[in-house]
Protein backbone atom coordinates (compact mmCIF):
# COMPACT_ATOMS: atom_id res chain seq x y z
CA UNK A 1 -24.61 30.91 46.39
CA UNK A 2 -28.40 30.60 46.61
CA UNK A 3 -30.27 28.28 44.26
CA UNK A 4 -32.31 30.38 41.79
CA UNK A 5 -35.13 27.80 41.94
CA UNK A 6 -35.64 27.02 45.64
CA UNK A 7 -33.42 29.57 47.43
CA UNK A 8 -31.37 26.98 49.30
CA UNK A 9 -27.83 28.10 50.08
CA UNK A 10 -26.28 24.61 49.92
CA UNK A 11 -24.86 23.58 46.56
CA UNK A 12 -21.96 21.66 45.13
CA UNK A 13 -19.65 22.63 42.28
CA UNK A 14 -19.83 20.12 39.41
CA UNK A 15 -17.44 21.77 36.96
CA UNK A 16 -15.12 24.82 36.87
CA UNK A 17 -13.59 26.39 33.77
CA UNK A 18 -11.44 29.40 33.10
CA UNK A 19 -13.03 32.14 30.96
CA UNK A 20 -12.07 35.60 29.70
CA UNK A 21 -8.44 34.61 29.09
CA UNK A 22 -8.00 33.47 32.68
CA UNK A 23 -9.61 36.54 34.26
CA UNK A 24 -12.77 34.70 35.26
CA UNK A 25 -14.18 31.34 36.27
CA UNK A 26 -17.38 29.66 35.07
CA UNK A 27 -18.78 27.22 37.60
CA UNK A 28 -21.54 24.70 37.04
CA UNK A 29 -23.36 24.08 40.33
CA UNK A 30 -26.06 21.75 41.62
CA UNK A 31 -28.44 22.52 44.47
CA UNK A 32 -28.21 19.95 47.27
CA UNK A 33 -31.92 20.30 48.14
CA UNK A 34 -33.73 20.27 44.75
CA UNK A 35 -30.93 19.06 42.39
CA UNK A 36 -31.43 22.10 40.12
CA UNK A 37 -28.31 22.89 38.05
CA UNK A 38 -27.18 26.45 37.40
CA UNK A 39 -24.11 28.35 36.24
CA UNK A 40 -22.23 31.12 38.02
CA UNK A 41 -19.52 33.39 36.66
CA UNK A 42 -16.79 34.85 38.84
CA UNK A 43 -14.46 37.60 37.73
CA UNK A 44 -12.13 40.11 39.26
CA UNK A 45 -13.75 43.48 39.73
CA UNK A 46 -11.24 46.05 38.59
CA UNK A 47 -10.87 49.11 40.75
CA UNK A 48 -13.08 51.95 39.60
CA UNK A 49 -11.15 54.08 37.13
CA UNK A 50 -12.06 57.77 36.91
CA UNK A 51 -11.55 59.88 33.81
CA UNK A 52 -10.26 63.40 34.45
CA UNK A 53 -11.90 65.56 31.78
CA UNK A 54 -10.50 68.75 30.24
CA UNK A 55 -12.50 70.94 32.63
CA UNK A 56 -11.14 69.04 35.65
CA UNK A 57 -14.34 67.13 36.39
CA UNK A 58 -14.16 63.41 37.06
CA UNK A 59 -16.46 60.74 35.67
CA UNK A 60 -16.40 56.96 35.82
CA UNK A 61 -14.62 55.26 32.92
CA UNK A 62 -17.25 53.74 30.64
CA UNK A 63 -16.09 51.31 27.93
CA UNK A 64 -19.47 51.69 26.21
CA UNK A 65 -18.90 55.42 25.78
CA UNK A 66 -15.51 54.58 24.29
CA UNK A 67 -17.20 52.09 21.93
CA UNK A 68 -19.79 54.67 20.82
CA UNK A 69 -17.05 57.16 19.91
CA UNK A 70 -15.14 54.56 17.93
CA UNK A 71 -18.37 53.35 16.27
CA UNK A 72 -19.14 56.92 15.12
CA UNK A 73 -15.65 57.33 13.68
CA UNK A 74 -15.94 53.99 11.84
CA UNK A 75 -19.46 54.63 10.51
CA UNK A 76 -19.78 53.24 6.95
CA UNK A 77 -16.13 52.24 6.92
CA UNK A 78 -14.75 48.74 6.37
CA UNK A 79 -14.05 48.15 10.06
CA UNK A 80 -15.67 45.04 11.55
CA UNK A 81 -17.48 44.87 14.88
CA UNK A 82 -14.83 42.38 15.98
CA UNK A 83 -12.09 44.89 15.25
CA UNK A 84 -13.94 47.57 17.21
CA UNK A 85 -14.37 45.12 20.11
CA UNK A 86 -10.65 44.37 19.98
CA UNK A 87 -9.76 48.08 20.09
CA UNK A 88 -12.12 48.78 23.00
CA UNK A 89 -10.84 45.74 24.90
CA UNK A 90 -7.19 46.61 24.32
CA UNK A 91 -7.61 50.23 25.35
CA UNK A 92 -9.70 49.34 28.42
CA UNK A 93 -7.18 46.72 29.55
CA UNK A 94 -4.19 48.97 29.01
CA UNK A 95 -5.82 51.82 30.95
CA UNK A 96 -6.62 49.50 33.88
CA UNK A 97 -3.05 48.23 33.79
CA UNK A 98 -1.31 51.61 33.40
CA UNK A 99 -3.39 53.81 35.72
CA UNK A 100 -4.42 53.21 39.34
CA UNK A 101 -7.39 55.47 40.00
CA UNK A 102 -7.48 58.30 37.47
CA UNK A 103 -6.68 58.67 33.78
CA UNK A 104 -6.65 61.94 31.82
CA UNK A 105 -9.20 62.02 28.99
CA UNK A 106 -6.36 63.17 26.70
CA UNK A 107 -4.62 59.83 27.26
CA UNK A 108 -7.73 57.92 26.20
CA UNK A 109 -8.07 60.06 23.07
CA UNK A 110 -4.42 59.50 22.13
CA UNK A 111 -4.75 55.74 22.52
CA UNK A 112 -7.91 55.67 20.40
CA UNK A 113 -6.26 57.72 17.65
CA UNK A 114 -3.20 55.47 17.73
CA UNK A 115 -5.37 52.36 17.24
CA UNK A 116 -7.60 53.93 14.58
CA UNK A 117 -4.55 55.13 12.66
CA UNK A 118 -3.48 51.47 12.27
CA UNK A 119 -6.95 50.30 11.23
CA UNK A 120 -8.51 52.99 9.02
CA UNK A 121 -7.17 56.43 8.09
CA UNK A 122 -10.60 57.96 7.45
CA UNK A 123 -11.88 56.79 10.85
CA UNK A 124 -8.70 58.22 12.39
CA UNK A 125 -9.28 61.66 10.81
CA UNK A 126 -12.96 61.62 11.81
CA UNK A 127 -12.07 60.85 15.42
CA UNK A 128 -9.24 63.42 15.43
CA UNK A 129 -11.58 66.11 14.10
CA UNK A 130 -13.86 65.75 17.11
CA UNK A 131 -11.13 65.04 19.65
CA UNK A 132 -8.93 67.95 18.57
CA UNK A 133 -11.91 70.23 17.86
CA UNK A 134 -11.16 71.06 14.22
CA UNK A 135 -12.68 74.41 13.24
CA UNK A 136 -12.12 74.55 9.47
CA UNK A 137 -10.86 72.65 6.45
CA UNK A 138 -7.29 73.76 7.10
CA UNK A 139 -7.26 71.66 10.28
CA UNK A 140 -8.27 68.59 8.26
CA UNK A 141 -5.61 69.28 5.63
CA UNK A 142 -2.91 69.67 8.29
CA UNK A 143 -3.92 66.40 9.99
CA UNK A 144 -3.91 64.54 6.67
CA UNK A 145 -0.44 65.90 5.88
CA UNK A 146 0.78 64.62 9.27
CA UNK A 147 -0.89 61.27 8.61
CA UNK A 148 0.90 60.87 5.28
CA UNK A 149 4.37 61.53 6.76
């Protein structure tokens, strides 16, 4: 690791700590040449996961896109940012764990709806309306009837 101050490649590790629930390491380092202290973070790079869309195209999985969709569904609802972070983290982790290289977009949508159903029924119906492409009020009524069962 090069020192950000002088560029020297010799340093020593002063302290190491586990971060991200054991999926990363934070290291405090000191440059041998100029004694400048700096921090590095190491984490496992998960294999790139591709999303197979309805039309068959493939795009890189983007947790931020997932977050935006959930944010829109939860707009002006009593769902905290922490809860949204938890949902995004859980879904992202489970997808990385359950799929090697490709995941169908339908699977992501189902997992989001499952989580939103537990958290907020209105957010669930909002997300379902976009995900399932509701065309009229009857679609909403049918979904709400299913939700109430």
